C-alpha atoms as a PDB file:
ATOM      1  CA  MET A   1      72.726  53.742 -64.208  1.00  0.00           C
ATOM      2  CA  ASN A   2      70.111  54.930 -61.620  1.00  0.00           C
ATOM      3  CA  GLU A   3      70.784  54.794 -57.917  1.00  0.00           C
ATOM      4  CA  ILE A   4      68.123  55.449 -55.297  1.00  0.00           C
ATOM      5  CA  ARG A   5      69.258  56.760 -51.909  1.00  0.00           C
ATOM      6  CA  LYS A   6      67.374  57.487 -48.692  1.00  0.00           C
ATOM      7  CA  LEU A   7      68.483  60.818 -47.199  1.00  0.00           C
ATOM      8  CA  ASP A   8      68.992  61.723 -43.597  1.00  0.00           C
ATOM      9  CA  SER A   9      69.019  65.458 -42.647  1.00  0.00           C
ATOM     10  CA  LYS A  10      72.738  65.711 -43.563  1.00  0.00           C
ATOM     11  CA  GLY A  11      71.943  64.148 -46.805  1.00  0.00           C
ATOM     12  CA  VAL A  12      69.318  66.779 -47.479  1.00  0.00           C
ATOM     13  CA  ASP A  13      72.001  69.379 -46.724  1.00  0.00           C
ATOM     14  CA  ARG A  14      74.458  67.733 -49.144  1.00  0.00           C
ATOM     15  CA  PHE A  15      71.871  67.861 -51.998  1.00  0.00           C
ATOM     16  CA  LEU A  16      70.227  71.153 -50.925  1.00  0.00           C
ATOM     17  CA  PRO A  17      71.030  73.301 -54.052  1.00  0.00           C
ATOM     18  CA  GLU A  18      70.331  70.442 -56.417  1.00  0.00           C
ATOM     19  CA  LEU A  19      66.968  69.676 -54.780  1.00  0.00           C
ATOM     20  CA  ALA A  20      65.982  73.343 -55.049  1.00  0.00           C
ATOM     21  CA  ASP A  21      67.014  73.341 -58.723  1.00  0.00           C
ATOM     22  CA  LEU A  22      64.958  70.111 -59.280  1.00  0.00           C
ATOM     23  CA  LEU A  23      61.847  71.780 -57.606  1.00  0.00           C
ATOM     24  CA  ARG A  24      62.287  74.808 -59.712  1.00  0.00           C
ATOM     25  CA  ASP A  25      62.650  72.774 -62.916  1.00  0.00           C
ATOM     26  CA  ALA A  26      59.395  70.845 -62.025  1.00  0.00           C
ATOM     27  CA  VAL A  27      57.529  74.109 -61.536  1.00  0.00           C
ATOM     28  CA  GLN A  28      59.018  75.724 -64.644  1.00  0.00           C
ATOM     29  CA  HIS A  29      57.782  72.725 -66.618  1.00  0.00           C
ATOM     30  CA  GLY A  30      54.231  72.958 -65.316  1.00  0.00           C
ATOM     31  CA  ALA A  31      54.174  70.477 -62.353  1.00  0.00           C
ATOM     32  CA  SER A  32      51.372  71.384 -59.918  1.00  0.00           C
ATOM     33  CA  VAL A  33      53.345  70.710 -56.677  1.00  0.00           C
ATOM     34  CA  GLY A  34      52.318  73.692 -54.466  1.00  0.00           C
ATOM     35  CA  PHE A  35      54.355  76.455 -56.066  1.00  0.00           C
ATOM     36  CA  LEU A  36      53.758  79.050 -58.786  1.00  0.00           C
ATOM     37  CA  PRO A  37      56.251  80.369 -61.309  1.00  0.00           C
ATOM     38  CA  PRO A  38      58.571  81.983 -61.219  1.00  0.00           C
ATOM     39  CA  LEU A  39      59.856  79.965 -58.274  1.00  0.00           C
ATOM     40  CA  GLY A  40      62.836  81.730 -56.812  1.00  0.00           C
ATOM     41  CA  MET A  41      65.833  79.979 -55.294  1.00  0.00           C
ATOM     42  CA  SER A  42      65.271  81.290 -51.775  1.00  0.00           C
ATOM     43  CA  GLU A  43      61.736  79.886 -51.748  1.00  0.00           C
ATOM     44  CA  ALA A  44      62.799  76.569 -53.103  1.00  0.00           C
ATOM     45  CA  LEU A  45      65.662  76.260 -50.587  1.00  0.00           C
ATOM     46  CA  GLY A  46      63.158  77.255 -47.775  1.00  0.00           C
ATOM     47  CA  TYR A  47      60.954  74.370 -48.812  1.00  0.00           C
ATOM     48  CA  TRP A  48      63.759  71.800 -48.621  1.00  0.00           C
ATOM     49  CA  LEU A  49      64.862  73.184 -45.250  1.00  0.00           C
ATOM     50  CA  GLU A  50      61.286  72.335 -44.002  1.00  0.00           C
ATOM     51  CA  VAL A  51      61.783  68.870 -45.566  1.00  0.00           C
ATOM     52  CA  ARG A  52      65.130  68.469 -43.776  1.00  0.00           C
ATOM     53  CA  ALA A  53      63.471  69.317 -40.381  1.00  0.00           C
ATOM     54  CA  ALA A  54      60.672  66.642 -41.128  1.00  0.00           C
ATOM     55  CA  VAL A  55      63.280  64.072 -41.957  1.00  0.00           C
ATOM     56  CA  ALA A  56      65.226  64.867 -38.778  1.00  0.00           C
ATOM     57  CA  ASP A  57      62.107  64.550 -36.590  1.00  0.00           C
ATOM     58  CA  GLY A  58      61.199  61.216 -38.306  1.00  0.00           C
ATOM     59  CA  SER A  59      57.905  62.345 -39.802  1.00  0.00           C
ATOM     60  CA  ARG A  60      59.224  62.173 -43.400  1.00  0.00           C
ATOM     61  CA  ILE A  61      61.235  59.927 -45.508  1.00  0.00           C
ATOM     62  CA  ALA A  62      63.190  61.658 -48.409  1.00  0.00           C
ATOM     63  CA  LEU A  63      64.512  59.627 -51.383  1.00  0.00           C
ATOM     64  CA  VAL A  64      66.659  60.804 -54.299  1.00  0.00           C
ATOM     65  CA  ALA A  65      67.551  59.273 -57.534  1.00  0.00           C
ATOM     66  CA  LEU A  66      71.110  59.732 -58.960  1.00  0.00           C
ATOM     67  CA  ARG A  67      71.789  59.148 -62.660  1.00  0.00           C
ATOM     68  CA  SER A  68      75.492  58.877 -63.263  1.00  0.00           C
ATOM     69  CA  GLY A  69      76.041  60.562 -59.939  1.00  0.00           C
ATOM     70  CA  THR A  70      73.753  63.611 -60.727  1.00  0.00           C
ATOM     71  CA  LEU A  71      70.559  64.242 -58.896  1.00  0.00           C
ATOM     72  CA  ALA A  72      67.655  63.303 -61.282  1.00  0.00           C
ATOM     73  CA  GLY A  73      64.705  62.832 -59.050  1.00  0.00           C
ATOM     74  CA  THR A  74      63.192  62.728 -55.670  1.00  0.00           C
ATOM     75  CA  VAL A  75      60.023  61.550 -53.738  1.00  0.00           C
ATOM     76  CA  GLN A  76      58.952  61.840 -50.154  1.00  0.00           C
ATOM     77  CA  LEU A  77      56.766  59.784 -47.855  1.00  0.00           C
ATOM     78  CA  GLU A  78      55.026  61.719 -45.091  1.00  0.00           C
ATOM     79  CA  LEU A  79      54.386  59.282 -42.151  1.00  0.00           C
ATOM     80  CA  CYS A  80      51.170  59.660 -40.322  1.00  0.00           C
ATOM     81  CA  ARG A  81      52.031  60.080 -36.586  1.00  0.00           C
ATOM     82  CA  LYS A  82      48.485  59.739 -35.208  1.00  0.00           C
ATOM     83  CA  ALA A  83      47.925  56.619 -33.099  1.00  0.00           C
ATOM     84  CA  ASN A  84      44.989  55.471 -35.356  1.00  0.00           C
ATOM     85  CA  GLY A  85      46.776  56.261 -38.642  1.00  0.00           C
ATOM     86  CA  LYS A  86      50.299  54.461 -38.326  1.00  0.00           C
ATOM     87  CA  ASN A  87      49.223  52.206 -41.243  1.00  0.00           C
ATOM     88  CA  ARG A  88      49.418  54.909 -43.729  1.00  0.00           C
ATOM     89  CA  ALA A  89      51.880  57.291 -45.622  1.00  0.00           C
ATOM     90  CA  GLU A  90      51.268  60.060 -48.043  1.00  0.00           C
ATOM     91  CA  LEU A  91      53.437  60.121 -51.241  1.00  0.00           C
ATOM     92  CA  GLN A  92      54.540  63.621 -52.020  1.00  0.00           C
ATOM     93  CA  LYS A  93      56.582  65.537 -54.517  1.00  0.00           C
ATOM     94  CA  LEU A  94      57.549  62.741 -56.972  1.00  0.00           C
ATOM     95  CA  LEU A  95      59.782  64.775 -59.129  1.00  0.00           C
ATOM     96  CA  VAL A  96      62.006  63.883 -62.202  1.00  0.00           C
ATOM     97  CA  HIS A  97      64.194  66.553 -63.727  1.00  0.00           C
ATOM     98  CA  SER A  98      62.922  67.448 -67.214  1.00  0.00           C
ATOM     99  CA  ASP A  99      66.182  66.220 -68.839  1.00  0.00           C
ATOM    100  CA  ALA A 100      65.792  62.738 -67.175  1.00  0.00           C
ATOM    101  CA  ARG A 101      62.070  61.910 -67.811  1.00  0.00           C
ATOM    102  CA  ARG A 102      60.992  58.642 -69.400  1.00  0.00           C
ATOM    103  CA  SER A 103      64.128  56.835 -68.163  1.00  0.00           C
ATOM    104  CA  GLY A 104      62.563  54.743 -65.294  1.00  0.00           C
ATOM    105  CA  ILE A 105      63.356  57.150 -62.560  1.00  0.00           C
ATOM    106  CA  ALA A 106      59.848  57.722 -61.505  1.00  0.00           C
ATOM    107  CA  SER A 107      59.163  53.987 -61.311  1.00  0.00           C
ATOM    108  CA  ALA A 108      62.385  53.456 -59.350  1.00  0.00           C
ATOM    109  CA  LEU A 109      61.611  56.106 -56.839  1.00  0.00           C
ATOM    110  CA  LEU A 110      58.017  54.955 -56.449  1.00  0.00           C
ATOM    111  CA  ALA A 111      59.146  51.264 -55.965  1.00  0.00           C
ATOM    112  CA  GLU A 112      61.594  52.397 -53.299  1.00  0.00           C
ATOM    113  CA  ALA A 113      59.016  54.578 -51.503  1.00  0.00           C
ATOM    114  CA  GLU A 114      56.652  51.648 -51.329  1.00  0.00           C
ATOM    115  CA  ALA A 115      59.485  49.421 -50.044  1.00  0.00           C
ATOM    116  CA  GLN A 116      60.127  51.972 -47.293  1.00  0.00           C
ATOM    117  CA  ALA A 117      56.409  52.027 -46.490  1.00  0.00           C
ATOM    118  CA  MET A 118      56.250  48.350 -46.269  1.00  0.00           C
ATOM    119  CA  ALA A 119      59.346  48.189 -43.945  1.00  0.00           C
ATOM    120  CA  LEU A 120      57.590  50.610 -41.572  1.00  0.00           C
ATOM    121  CA  LYS A 121      54.240  48.610 -41.755  1.00  0.00           C
ATOM    122  CA  ARG A 122      52.607  51.513 -43.703  1.00  0.00           C
ATOM    123  CA  GLY A 123      50.251  49.359 -45.910  1.00  0.00           C
ATOM    124  CA  LEU A 124      48.338  52.223 -47.235  1.00  0.00           C
ATOM    125  CA  VAL A 125      50.017  54.840 -49.555  1.00  0.00           C
ATOM    126  CA  TYR A 126      47.998  57.756 -50.889  1.00  0.00           C
ATOM    127  CA  LEU A 127      48.626  60.785 -52.932  1.00  0.00           C
ATOM    128  CA  ASP A 128      46.981  63.597 -54.814  1.00  0.00           C
ATOM    129  CA  THR A 129      47.860  64.852 -58.308  1.00  0.00           C
ATOM    130  CA  GLU A 130      46.332  67.286 -60.736  1.00  0.00           C
ATOM    131  CA  ALA A 131      43.179  65.643 -62.274  1.00  0.00           C
ATOM    132  CA  GLY A 132      43.796  65.014 -65.952  1.00  0.00           C
ATOM    133  CA  SER A 133      47.516  65.251 -65.798  1.00  0.00           C
ATOM    134  CA  GLY A 134      49.830  62.757 -67.330  1.00  0.00           C
ATOM    135  CA  ALA A 135      50.777  61.600 -63.745  1.00  0.00           C
ATOM    136  CA  GLU A 136      47.353  59.886 -63.510  1.00  0.00           C
ATOM    137  CA  GLY A 137      48.293  57.256 -66.171  1.00  0.00           C
ATOM    138  CA  PHE A 138      51.599  56.678 -64.467  1.00  0.00           C
ATOM    139  CA  TYR A 139      49.951  55.952 -61.041  1.00  0.00           C
ATOM    140  CA  ARG A 140      47.299  53.862 -62.783  1.00  0.00           C
ATOM    141  CA  ALA A 141      50.008  51.721 -64.380  1.00  0.00           C
ATOM    142  CA  CYS A 142      51.676  51.310 -61.070  1.00  0.00           C
ATOM    143  CA  GLY A 143      48.657  49.826 -59.508  1.00  0.00           C
ATOM    144  CA  TYR A 144      47.057  52.737 -57.805  1.00  0.00           C
ATOM    145  CA  THR A 145      43.312  53.194 -57.558  1.00  0.00           C
ATOM    146  CA  ARG A 146      41.694  56.476 -58.335  1.00  0.00           C
ATOM    147  CA  LEU A 147      39.364  57.478 -55.447  1.00  0.00           C
ATOM    148  CA  GLY A 148      37.821  60.699 -56.923  1.00  0.00           C
ATOM    149  CA  GLU A 149      38.394  64.433 -57.259  1.00  0.00           C
ATOM    150  CA  LEU A 150      38.297  67.573 -55.245  1.00  0.00           C
ATOM    151  CA  PRO A 151      37.220  70.397 -57.472  1.00  0.00           C
ATOM    152  CA  ASP A 152      39.141  73.726 -57.720  1.00  0.00           C
ATOM    153  CA  TYR A 153      41.737  72.271 -55.241  1.00  0.00           C
ATOM    154  CA  CYS A 154      44.771  74.056 -56.500  1.00  0.00           C
ATOM    155  CA  CYS A 155      45.930  76.704 -58.818  1.00  0.00           C
ATOM    156  CA  ASP A 156      48.112  75.378 -61.698  1.00  0.00           C
ATOM    157  CA  THR A 157      51.227  76.991 -62.973  1.00  0.00           C
ATOM    158  CA  THR A 158      49.145  78.974 -65.567  1.00  0.00           C
ATOM    159  CA  GLY A 159      46.923  80.510 -62.830  1.00  0.00           C
ATOM    160  CA  HIS A 160      43.834  78.340 -63.485  1.00  0.00           C
ATOM    161  CA  TRP A 161      42.011  76.448 -60.645  1.00  0.00           C
ATOM    162  CA  ARG A 162      42.149  72.721 -61.149  1.00  0.00           C
ATOM    163  CA  ALA A 163      40.764  69.548 -59.467  1.00  0.00           C
ATOM    164  CA  THR A 164      43.013  67.303 -57.738  1.00  0.00           C
ATOM    165  CA  ALA A 165      42.584  63.484 -58.109  1.00  0.00           C
ATOM    166  CA  ILE A 166      43.123  61.230 -54.950  1.00  0.00           C
ATOM    167  CA  TRP A 167      44.879  57.941 -55.601  1.00  0.00           C
ATOM    168  CA  PHE A 168      45.818  55.092 -53.177  1.00  0.00           C
ATOM    169  CA  LYS A 169      47.487  51.702 -53.120  1.00  0.00           C
ATOM    170  CA  GLN A 170      47.054  49.165 -50.471  1.00  0.00           C
ATOM    171  CA  LEU A 171      50.415  47.433 -50.089  1.00  0.00           C
ATOM    172  CA  PHE A 172      49.052  44.914 -47.568  1.00  0.00           C
ATOM    173  CA  VAL A 173      46.124  44.680 -45.093  1.00  0.00           C
ATOM    174  CA  PRO A 174      47.222  45.664 -41.590  1.00  0.00           C
ATOM    175  CA  GLN A 175      46.501  43.592 -38.518  1.00  0.00           C
ATOM    176  CA  PRO A 176      44.065  45.069 -36.060  1.00  0.00           C
ATOM    177  CA  LEU A 177      45.588  47.067 -33.184  1.00  0.00           C
ATOM    178  CA  ALA A 178      45.312  46.039 -29.579  1.00  0.00           C
ATOM    179  CA  VAL A 179      43.175  48.677 -27.994  1.00  0.00           C
ATOM    180  CA  ALA A 180      42.421  48.932 -24.325  1.00  0.00           C
ATOM    181  CA  ALA A 181      38.757  48.690 -23.556  1.00  0.00           C
END
């Protein structure tokens, strides 16, 4: 059975080694998530310490999926803190361990991330993923709209420059803000 949990900074600490292993597994299996192989444990831990700081200051939500008590996936929502952007959140690092793929974990994580966004009145969720990757079909099936591509945006795990595709989903239409004239 899959369980989704929202982590506070202490929760990130609790799962720190497993989160680092999950990131390393994703990179090892070709995920274009900002790192190149071989991804060392210290670099992976350093990334998650940055996430912990963002969770602590309220700029990010971190979710994990547990399968039979074992960490199997994660996703983050980066919350825009600008006054004119409090209606949006960026979905980041939707990762599922290679041994747990195709078991509904990514869908469960995405659904909870969207629920968290809705609870915070973040009606627009957006993300980028490698253009042409299998992730594009997943996001399309989950109701996201492909906006376009940025060419040569990032280097994949084989060393080749790839385009990134920008996707979004409008969860609800926000009300206008009251702005002083």
